[in-house]
Amino acid sequence: MNKRAIAAVAAVALTAAGIVSVIGYVHGADERAFAGTELSQTWQVKSSIPAGAGVDEVKQNVEQVNLPVAAVAAGAVTSFNQLEGLATTVSLEPGEQLLLSRFAKPGEGAKVTNSSSIPEGMQELTIALTAPRLLGQHIKAGDVVGVFASYEDVKQTNVVENHVFVLRVDKSVVQDGGDQQATRMVTFAVNTITAEKIVHASEFGHIWLTKQNPKTDLGNPVRIEVKDVVR
């Protein structure tokens, strides 16, 4: 075999090895996203479900996902057997966890609002956010979000916390200078240290929320300064 043939074979082998490595990296993305976090399986809505839907329709529009244990709401459905003979009391939107409190026997009427039960061991914390910092007001109860903070005085931005569970987003809007300044009250389920971080960032800086999922690449966050943006 001449040198050119050997080089060609080697190139093919290296390419194949690279493809295998990429596939392995992609397959391990979920594990890396929540590395070191205890996970629990729960059901999440993947397509809109109308009020009055029975268990068969619900089954077709949900998927099982892995979430941090702290982000799984109290009363999350663990088996479809729990829903036999029940129907949704309100419409369910993509991203919501499937909660038993959103079901009742047909004819009993709605019993809940845009709110999720607080996970055991957590505490509630409410802050006010304008529309741009609230993902254009598309954050809703049941979402898992990332909390970021920017501080004007030191011109720094950093991650406050990942995998923060949203308990409630108030529907009422406080107008203050137009749509861009429309403010909604957002309530989180957090532990004590996360509550301290969010309160501090809300009081002395500006908070932004991002919507996260099990495949969100959290990377290795660092504190961002002006020199890291303007080069």
C-alpha atoms as a PDB file:
ATOM      1  CA  MET A   1       0.000   0.000   0.000  1.00  0.00           C
ATOM      2  CA  ASN A   2       1.506   3.370  -1.055  1.00  0.00           C
ATOM      3  CA  LYS A   3       1.783   6.428   1.163  1.00  0.00           C
ATOM      4  CA  ARG A   4      -1.269   8.150  -0.360  1.00  0.00           C
ATOM      5  CA  ALA A   5      -3.479   5.127   0.282  1.00  0.00           C
ATOM      6  CA  ILE A   6      -2.259   4.882   3.870  1.00  0.00           C
ATOM      7  CA  ALA A   7      -2.971   8.586   4.425  1.00  0.00           C
ATOM      8  CA  ALA A   8      -6.466   8.230   3.006  1.00  0.00           C
ATOM      9  CA  VAL A   9      -7.261   5.272   5.264  1.00  0.00           C
ATOM     10  CA  ALA A  10      -5.947   7.170   8.273  1.00  0.00           C
ATOM     11  CA  ALA A  11      -8.065  10.199   7.426  1.00  0.00           C
ATOM     12  CA  VAL A  12     -11.208   8.067   7.175  1.00  0.00           C
ATOM     13  CA  ALA A  13     -10.425   6.434  10.513  1.00  0.00           C
ATOM     14  CA  LEU A  14      -9.913   9.804  12.214  1.00  0.00           C
ATOM     15  CA  THR A  15     -13.173  11.136  10.758  1.00  0.00           C
ATOM     16  CA  ALA A  16     -15.088   8.098  12.023  1.00  0.00           C
ATOM     17  CA  ALA A  17     -13.568   8.489  15.466  1.00  0.00           C
ATOM     18  CA  GLY A  18     -14.588  12.143  15.493  1.00  0.00           C
ATOM     19  CA  ILE A  19     -18.178  11.299  14.604  1.00  0.00           C
ATOM     20  CA  VAL A  20     -18.339   8.718  17.382  1.00  0.00           C
ATOM     21  CA  SER A  21     -17.006  11.290  19.847  1.00  0.00           C
ATOM     22  CA  VAL A  22     -19.604  13.870  18.803  1.00  0.00           C
ATOM     23  CA  ILE A  23     -22.423  11.325  19.148  1.00  0.00           C
ATOM     24  CA  GLY A  24     -21.164  10.387  22.589  1.00  0.00           C
ATOM     25  CA  TYR A  25     -21.013  14.048  23.578  1.00  0.00           C
ATOM     26  CA  VAL A  26     -24.605  14.677  22.456  1.00  0.00           C
ATOM     27  CA  HIS A  27     -25.890  11.579  24.240  1.00  0.00           C
ATOM     28  CA  GLY A  28     -24.278  12.770  27.447  1.00  0.00           C
ATOM     29  CA  ALA A  29     -25.729  16.285  27.253  1.00  0.00           C
ATOM     30  CA  ASP A  30     -28.610  15.606  29.613  1.00  0.00           C
ATOM     31  CA  GLU A  31     -26.338  14.117  32.247  1.00  0.00           C
ATOM     32  CA  ARG A  32     -23.948  17.078  32.067  1.00  0.00           C
ATOM     33  CA  ALA A  33     -26.770  19.641  32.224  1.00  0.00           C
ATOM     34  CA  PHE A  34     -27.815  18.484  35.692  1.00  0.00           C
ATOM     35  CA  ALA A  35     -24.459  17.086  36.823  1.00  0.00           C
ATOM     36  CA  GLY A  36     -24.363  16.676  40.580  1.00  0.00           C
ATOM     37  CA  THR A  37     -28.085  17.396  40.914  1.00  0.00           C
ATOM     38  CA  GLU A  38     -30.515  14.792  42.258  1.00  0.00           C
ATOM     39  CA  LEU A  39     -33.185  14.267  39.600  1.00  0.00           C
ATOM     40  CA  SER A  40     -36.729  12.963  39.697  1.00  0.00           C
ATOM     41  CA  GLN A  41     -39.063  11.908  36.884  1.00  0.00           C
ATOM     42  CA  THR A  42     -42.255  13.871  36.392  1.00  0.00           C
ATOM     43  CA  TRP A  43     -44.820  14.471  33.654  1.00  0.00           C
ATOM     44  CA  GLN A  44     -44.646  17.722  31.673  1.00  0.00           C
ATOM     45  CA  VAL A  45     -47.121  19.144  29.174  1.00  0.00           C
ATOM     46  CA  LYS A  46     -45.727  19.178  25.607  1.00  0.00           C
ATOM     47  CA  SER A  47     -48.855  20.381  23.729  1.00  0.00           C
ATOM     48  CA  SER A  48     -51.744  22.556  24.901  1.00  0.00           C
ATOM     49  CA  ILE A  49     -54.506  20.648  26.704  1.00  0.00           C
ATOM     50  CA  PRO A  50     -57.953  22.270  26.971  1.00  0.00           C
ATOM     51  CA  ALA A  51     -60.036  22.447  30.134  1.00  0.00           C
ATOM     52  CA  GLY A  52     -62.304  19.418  30.422  1.00  0.00           C
ATOM     53  CA  ALA A  53     -59.809  16.994  28.852  1.00  0.00           C
ATOM     54  CA  GLY A  54     -59.920  13.400  30.082  1.00  0.00           C
ATOM     55  CA  VAL A  55     -57.013  11.132  30.926  1.00  0.00           C
ATOM     56  CA  ASP A  56     -56.690   9.715  27.374  1.00  0.00           C
ATOM     57  CA  GLU A  57     -56.255  13.182  25.851  1.00  0.00           C
ATOM     58  CA  VAL A  58     -53.828  14.143  28.591  1.00  0.00           C
ATOM     59  CA  LYS A  59     -51.659  11.088  27.931  1.00  0.00           C
ATOM     60  CA  GLN A  60     -51.240  12.109  24.289  1.00  0.00           C
ATOM     61  CA  ASN A  61     -49.986  15.569  25.150  1.00  0.00           C
ATOM     62  CA  VAL A  62     -47.476  15.031  27.958  1.00  0.00           C
ATOM     63  CA  GLU A  63     -43.977  13.624  28.221  1.00  0.00           C
ATOM     64  CA  GLN A  64     -41.877  12.296  31.057  1.00  0.00           C
ATOM     65  CA  VAL A  65     -38.880  14.475  31.958  1.00  0.00           C
ATOM     66  CA  ASN A  66     -36.112  14.532  34.561  1.00  0.00           C
ATOM     67  CA  LEU A  67     -36.040  17.629  36.774  1.00  0.00           C
ATOM     68  CA  PRO A  68     -34.097  18.546  39.903  1.00  0.00           C
ATOM     69  CA  VAL A  69     -35.931  17.138  42.932  1.00  0.00           C
ATOM     70  CA  ALA A  70     -36.314  20.658  44.347  1.00  0.00           C
ATOM     71  CA  ALA A  71     -38.113  21.750  41.155  1.00  0.00           C
ATOM     72  CA  VAL A  72     -40.760  19.009  41.237  1.00  0.00           C
ATOM     73  CA  ALA A  73     -43.949  20.556  42.591  1.00  0.00           C
ATOM     74  CA  ALA A  74     -45.860  19.055  45.468  1.00  0.00           C
ATOM     75  CA  GLY A  75     -48.845  17.181  44.082  1.00  0.00           C
ATOM     76  CA  ALA A  76     -47.137  16.255  40.811  1.00  0.00           C
ATOM     77  CA  VAL A  77     -48.879  13.323  39.085  1.00  0.00           C
ATOM     78  CA  THR A  78     -46.868  10.121  39.463  1.00  0.00           C
ATOM     79  CA  SER A  79     -49.279   7.711  37.772  1.00  0.00           C
ATOM     80  CA  PHE A  80     -52.126   8.110  35.292  1.00  0.00           C
ATOM     81  CA  ASN A  81     -54.167   5.871  37.598  1.00  0.00           C
ATOM     82  CA  GLN A  82     -54.519   8.967  39.795  1.00  0.00           C
ATOM     83  CA  LEU A  83     -56.446  10.671  36.984  1.00  0.00           C
ATOM     84  CA  GLU A  84     -59.036   7.981  36.274  1.00  0.00           C
ATOM     85  CA  GLY A  85     -62.498   9.536  36.195  1.00  0.00           C
ATOM     86  CA  LEU A  86     -61.082  13.069  36.349  1.00  0.00           C
ATOM     87  CA  ALA A  87     -60.797  15.899  33.820  1.00  0.00           C
ATOM     88  CA  THR A  88     -58.678  19.049  33.631  1.00  0.00           C
ATOM     89  CA  THR A  89     -60.249  22.030  35.384  1.00  0.00           C
ATOM     90  CA  VAL A  90     -58.160  24.579  33.463  1.00  0.00           C
ATOM     91  CA  SER A  91     -56.241  24.601  30.203  1.00  0.00           C
ATOM     92  CA  LEU A  92     -52.666  23.312  30.489  1.00  0.00           C
ATOM     93  CA  GLU A  93     -49.846  24.873  28.498  1.00  0.00           C
ATOM     94  CA  PRO A  94     -46.509  23.427  27.257  1.00  0.00           C
ATOM     95  CA  GLY A  95     -43.842  23.364  29.952  1.00  0.00           C
ATOM     96  CA  GLU A  96     -46.225  22.969  32.899  1.00  0.00           C
ATOM     97  CA  GLN A  97     -45.853  20.042  35.257  1.00  0.00           C
ATOM     98  CA  LEU A  98     -48.854  17.743  35.491  1.00  0.00           C
ATOM     99  CA  LEU A  99     -50.410  18.492  38.899  1.00  0.00           C
ATOM    100  CA  LEU A 100     -53.232  16.565  40.537  1.00  0.00           C
ATOM    101  CA  SER A 101     -54.668  19.877  41.778  1.00  0.00           C
ATOM    102  CA  ARG A 102     -55.573  20.764  38.173  1.00  0.00           C
ATOM    103  CA  PHE A 103     -58.005  17.834  37.875  1.00  0.00           C
ATOM    104  CA  ALA A 104     -61.478  17.182  39.254  1.00  0.00           C
ATOM    105  CA  LYS A 105     -64.534  15.092  38.508  1.00  0.00           C
ATOM    106  CA  PRO A 106     -66.405  16.449  35.468  1.00  0.00           C
ATOM    107  CA  GLY A 107     -68.854  19.153  36.480  1.00  0.00           C
ATOM    108  CA  GLU A 108     -67.075  20.200  39.682  1.00  0.00           C
ATOM    109  CA  GLY A 109     -65.555  23.228  37.974  1.00  0.00           C
ATOM    110  CA  ALA A 110     -62.171  24.891  38.195  1.00  0.00           C
ATOM    111  CA  LYS A 111     -60.475  24.949  41.583  1.00  0.00           C
ATOM    112  CA  VAL A 112     -57.109  26.476  40.775  1.00  0.00           C
ATOM    113  CA  THR A 113     -55.547  29.580  39.278  1.00  0.00           C
ATOM    114  CA  ASN A 114     -52.193  30.174  37.585  1.00  0.00           C
ATOM    115  CA  SER A 115     -50.308  28.722  40.547  1.00  0.00           C
ATOM    116  CA  SER A 116     -48.291  25.616  41.418  1.00  0.00           C
ATOM    117  CA  SER A 117     -47.832  24.080  44.865  1.00  0.00           C
ATOM    118  CA  ILE A 118     -44.579  24.847  46.650  1.00  0.00           C
ATOM    119  CA  PRO A 119     -42.155  21.881  46.776  1.00  0.00           C
ATOM    120  CA  GLU A 120     -41.556  20.466  50.254  1.00  0.00           C
ATOM    121  CA  GLY A 121     -38.753  22.149  52.162  1.00  0.00           C
ATOM    122  CA  MET A 122     -38.705  25.262  49.962  1.00  0.00           C
ATOM    123  CA  GLN A 123     -39.984  28.799  50.612  1.00  0.00           C
ATOM    124  CA  GLU A 124     -41.789  31.385  48.487  1.00  0.00           C
ATOM    125  CA  LEU A 125     -40.171  34.596  47.265  1.00  0.00           C
ATOM    126  CA  THR A 126     -41.811  37.267  45.089  1.00  0.00           C
ATOM    127  CA  ILE A 127     -40.097  39.982  43.042  1.00  0.00           C
ATOM    128  CA  ALA A 128     -41.328  42.452  40.414  1.00  0.00           C
ATOM    129  CA  LEU A 129     -39.952  42.215  36.877  1.00  0.00           C
ATOM    130  CA  THR A 130     -40.600  44.216  33.731  1.00  0.00           C
ATOM    131  CA  ALA A 131     -41.573  42.439  30.497  1.00  0.00           C
ATOM    132  CA  PRO A 132     -38.106  42.292  28.833  1.00  0.00           C
ATOM    133  CA  ARG A 133     -36.582  40.792  31.978  1.00  0.00           C
ATOM    134  CA  LEU A 134     -39.429  38.274  32.190  1.00  0.00           C
ATOM    135  CA  LEU A 135     -38.828  36.731  28.746  1.00  0.00           C
ATOM    136  CA  GLY A 136     -41.444  39.029  27.248  1.00  0.00           C
ATOM    137  CA  GLN A 137     -43.916  37.872  29.911  1.00  0.00           C
ATOM    138  CA  HIS A 138     -43.790  34.295  28.583  1.00  0.00           C
ATOM    139  CA  ILE A 139     -42.601  32.812  31.888  1.00  0.00           C
ATOM    140  CA  LYS A 140     -45.444  30.966  33.643  1.00  0.00           C
ATOM    141  CA  ALA A 141     -46.159  28.853  36.710  1.00  0.00           C
ATOM    142  CA  GLY A 142     -44.333  25.527  36.577  1.00  0.00           C
ATOM    143  CA  ASP A 143     -41.376  26.794  34.513  1.00  0.00           C
ATOM    144  CA  VAL A 144     -37.772  26.213  35.573  1.00  0.00           C
ATOM    145  CA  VAL A 145     -35.658  29.318  35.015  1.00  0.00           C
ATOM    146  CA  GLY A 146     -32.180  30.700  35.253  1.00  0.00           C
ATOM    147  CA  VAL A 147     -31.732  33.917  37.264  1.00  0.00           C
ATOM    148  CA  PHE A 148     -29.087  36.385  36.063  1.00  0.00           C
ATOM    149  CA  ALA A 149     -28.076  39.688  37.650  1.00  0.00           C
ATOM    150  CA  SER A 150     -26.354  42.794  36.294  1.00  0.00           C
ATOM    151  CA  TYR A 151     -24.869  45.465  38.552  1.00  0.00           C
ATOM    152  CA  GLU A 152     -24.448  48.937  37.084  1.00  0.00           C
ATOM    153  CA  ASP A 153     -22.004  50.283  39.668  1.00  0.00           C
ATOM    154  CA  VAL A 154     -19.393  47.576  39.047  1.00  0.00           C
ATOM    155  CA  LYS A 155     -20.522  46.847  35.471  1.00  0.00           C
ATOM    156  CA  GLN A 156     -20.706  43.094  36.047  1.00  0.00           C
ATOM    157  CA  THR A 157     -23.160  40.347  35.091  1.00  0.00           C
ATOM    158  CA  ASN A 158     -23.280  36.884  36.585  1.00  0.00           C
ATOM    159  CA  VAL A 159     -25.513  33.851  37.153  1.00  0.00           C
ATOM    160  CA  VAL A 160     -27.400  34.064  40.441  1.00  0.00           C
ATOM    161  CA  GLU A 161     -28.894  30.558  40.277  1.00  0.00           C
ATOM    162  CA  ASN A 162     -29.974  27.883  37.793  1.00  0.00           C
ATOM    163  CA  HIS A 163     -32.995  25.573  37.975  1.00  0.00           C
ATOM    164  CA  VAL A 164     -35.199  27.974  39.944  1.00  0.00           C
ATOM    165  CA  PHE A 165     -38.839  26.856  40.074  1.00  0.00           C
ATOM    166  CA  VAL A 166     -41.577  29.395  39.244  1.00  0.00           C
ATOM    167  CA  LEU A 167     -44.600  29.023  41.512  1.00  0.00           C
ATOM    168  CA  ARG A 168     -46.741  31.848  40.226  1.00  0.00           C
ATOM    169  CA  VAL A 169     -46.832  34.754  37.779  1.00  0.00           C
ATOM    170  CA  ASP A 170     -49.543  37.264  38.659  1.00  0.00           C
ATOM    171  CA  LYS A 171     -51.828  38.099  35.753  1.00  0.00           C
ATOM    172  CA  SER A 172     -52.297  41.698  36.865  1.00  0.00           C
ATOM    173  CA  VAL A 173     -49.941  44.165  35.208  1.00  0.00           C
ATOM    174  CA  VAL A 174     -48.689  47.422  36.687  1.00  0.00           C
ATOM    175  CA  GLN A 175     -48.119  49.955  33.909  1.00  0.00           C
ATOM    176  CA  ASP A 176     -45.295  52.430  34.402  1.00  0.00           C
ATOM    177  CA  GLY A 177     -44.167  54.143  31.242  1.00  0.00           C
ATOM    178  CA  GLY A 178     -45.525  51.890  28.478  1.00  0.00           C
ATOM    179  CA  ASP A 179     -45.462  48.200  27.540  1.00  0.00           C
ATOM    180  CA  GLN A 180     -41.701  47.896  27.984  1.00  0.00           C
ATOM    181  CA  GLN A 181     -42.111  48.885  31.630  1.00  0.00           C
ATOM    182  CA  ALA A 182     -45.177  46.723  32.340  1.00  0.00           C
ATOM    183  CA  THR A 183     -44.411  44.915  35.588  1.00  0.00           C
ATOM    184  CA  ARG A 184     -45.557  41.487  36.783  1.00  0.00           C
ATOM    185  CA  MET A 185     -45.025  39.865  40.158  1.00  0.00           C
ATOM    186  CA  VAL A 186     -43.122  36.564  39.940  1.00  0.00           C
ATOM    187  CA  THR A 187     -43.038  34.073  42.819  1.00  0.00           C
ATOM    188  CA  PHE A 188     -40.287  31.443  43.110  1.00  0.00           C
ATOM    189  CA  ALA A 189     -39.776  28.335  45.214  1.00  0.00           C
ATOM    190  CA  VAL A 190     -36.270  28.652  46.639  1.00  0.00           C
ATOM    191  CA  ASN A 191     -34.021  27.592  49.483  1.00  0.00           C
ATOM    192  CA  THR A 192     -32.576  30.156  51.891  1.00  0.00           C
ATOM    193  CA  ILE A 193     -29.272  30.890  50.136  1.00  0.00           C
ATOM    194  CA  THR A 194     -30.979  31.302  46.748  1.00  0.00           C
ATOM    195  CA  ALA A 195     -33.538  33.628  48.339  1.00  0.00           C
ATOM    196  CA  GLU A 196     -30.700  35.747  49.729  1.00  0.00           C
ATOM    197  CA  LYS A 197     -29.015  35.943  46.322  1.00  0.00           C
ATOM    198  CA  ILE A 198     -32.207  36.933  44.499  1.00  0.00           C
ATOM    199  CA  VAL A 199     -33.172  39.542  47.095  1.00  0.00           C
ATOM    200  CA  HIS A 200     -29.691  41.077  46.925  1.00  0.00           C
ATOM    201  CA  ALA A 201     -29.715  41.155  43.115  1.00  0.00           C
ATOM    202  CA  SER A 202     -33.223  42.619  43.053  1.00  0.00           C
ATOM    203  CA  GLU A 203     -32.314  45.319  45.574  1.00  0.00           C
ATOM    204  CA  PHE A 204     -28.922  46.394  44.220  1.00  0.00           C
ATOM    205  CA  GLY A 205     -28.938  45.260  40.586  1.00  0.00           C
ATOM    206  CA  HIS A 206     -31.181  44.156  37.721  1.00  0.00           C
ATOM    207  CA  ILE A 207     -32.530  40.614  37.330  1.00  0.00           C
ATOM    208  CA  TRP A 208     -33.158  38.773  34.050  1.00  0.00           C
ATOM    209  CA  LEU A 209     -34.817  35.362  33.717  1.00  0.00           C
ATOM    210  CA  THR A 210     -34.110  32.650  31.161  1.00  0.00           C
ATOM    211  CA  LYS A 211     -36.293  29.611  30.590  1.00  0.00           C
ATOM    212  CA  GLN A 212     -34.349  26.353  31.105  1.00  0.00           C
ATOM    213  CA  ASN A 213     -34.955  22.688  30.316  1.00  0.00           C
ATOM    214  CA  PRO A 214     -33.058  19.422  30.947  1.00  0.00           C
ATOM    215  CA  LYS A 215     -30.936  20.020  27.820  1.00  0.00           C
ATOM    216  CA  THR A 216     -29.939  23.578  28.677  1.00  0.00           C
ATOM    217  CA  ASP A 217     -26.162  23.909  28.409  1.00  0.00           C
ATOM    218  CA  LEU A 218     -25.136  25.536  31.678  1.00  0.00           C
ATOM    219  CA  GLY A 219     -21.465  25.519  30.727  1.00  0.00           C
ATOM    220  CA  ASN A 220     -18.986  27.013  33.176  1.00  0.00           C
ATOM    221  CA  PRO A 221     -20.421  30.451  33.990  1.00  0.00           C
ATOM    222  CA  VAL A 222     -18.051  33.260  34.938  1.00  0.00           C
ATOM    223  CA  ARG A 223     -18.560  36.841  36.068  1.00  0.00           C
ATOM    224  CA  ILE A 224     -18.764  38.990  32.919  1.00  0.00           C
ATOM    225  CA  GLU A 225     -17.168  42.447  32.889  1.00  0.00           C
ATOM    226  CA  VAL A 226     -16.892  45.149  30.220  1.00  0.00           C
ATOM    227  CA  LYS A 227     -13.513  43.863  29.105  1.00  0.00           C
ATOM    228  CA  ASP A 228     -15.076  40.475  28.338  1.00  0.00           C
ATOM    229  CA  VAL A 229     -17.641  42.026  25.976  1.00  0.00           C
ATOM    230  CA  VAL A 230     -15.732  44.906  24.373  1.00  0.00           C
ATOM    231  CA  ARG A 231     -12.425  43.737  23.015  1.00  0.00           C
END
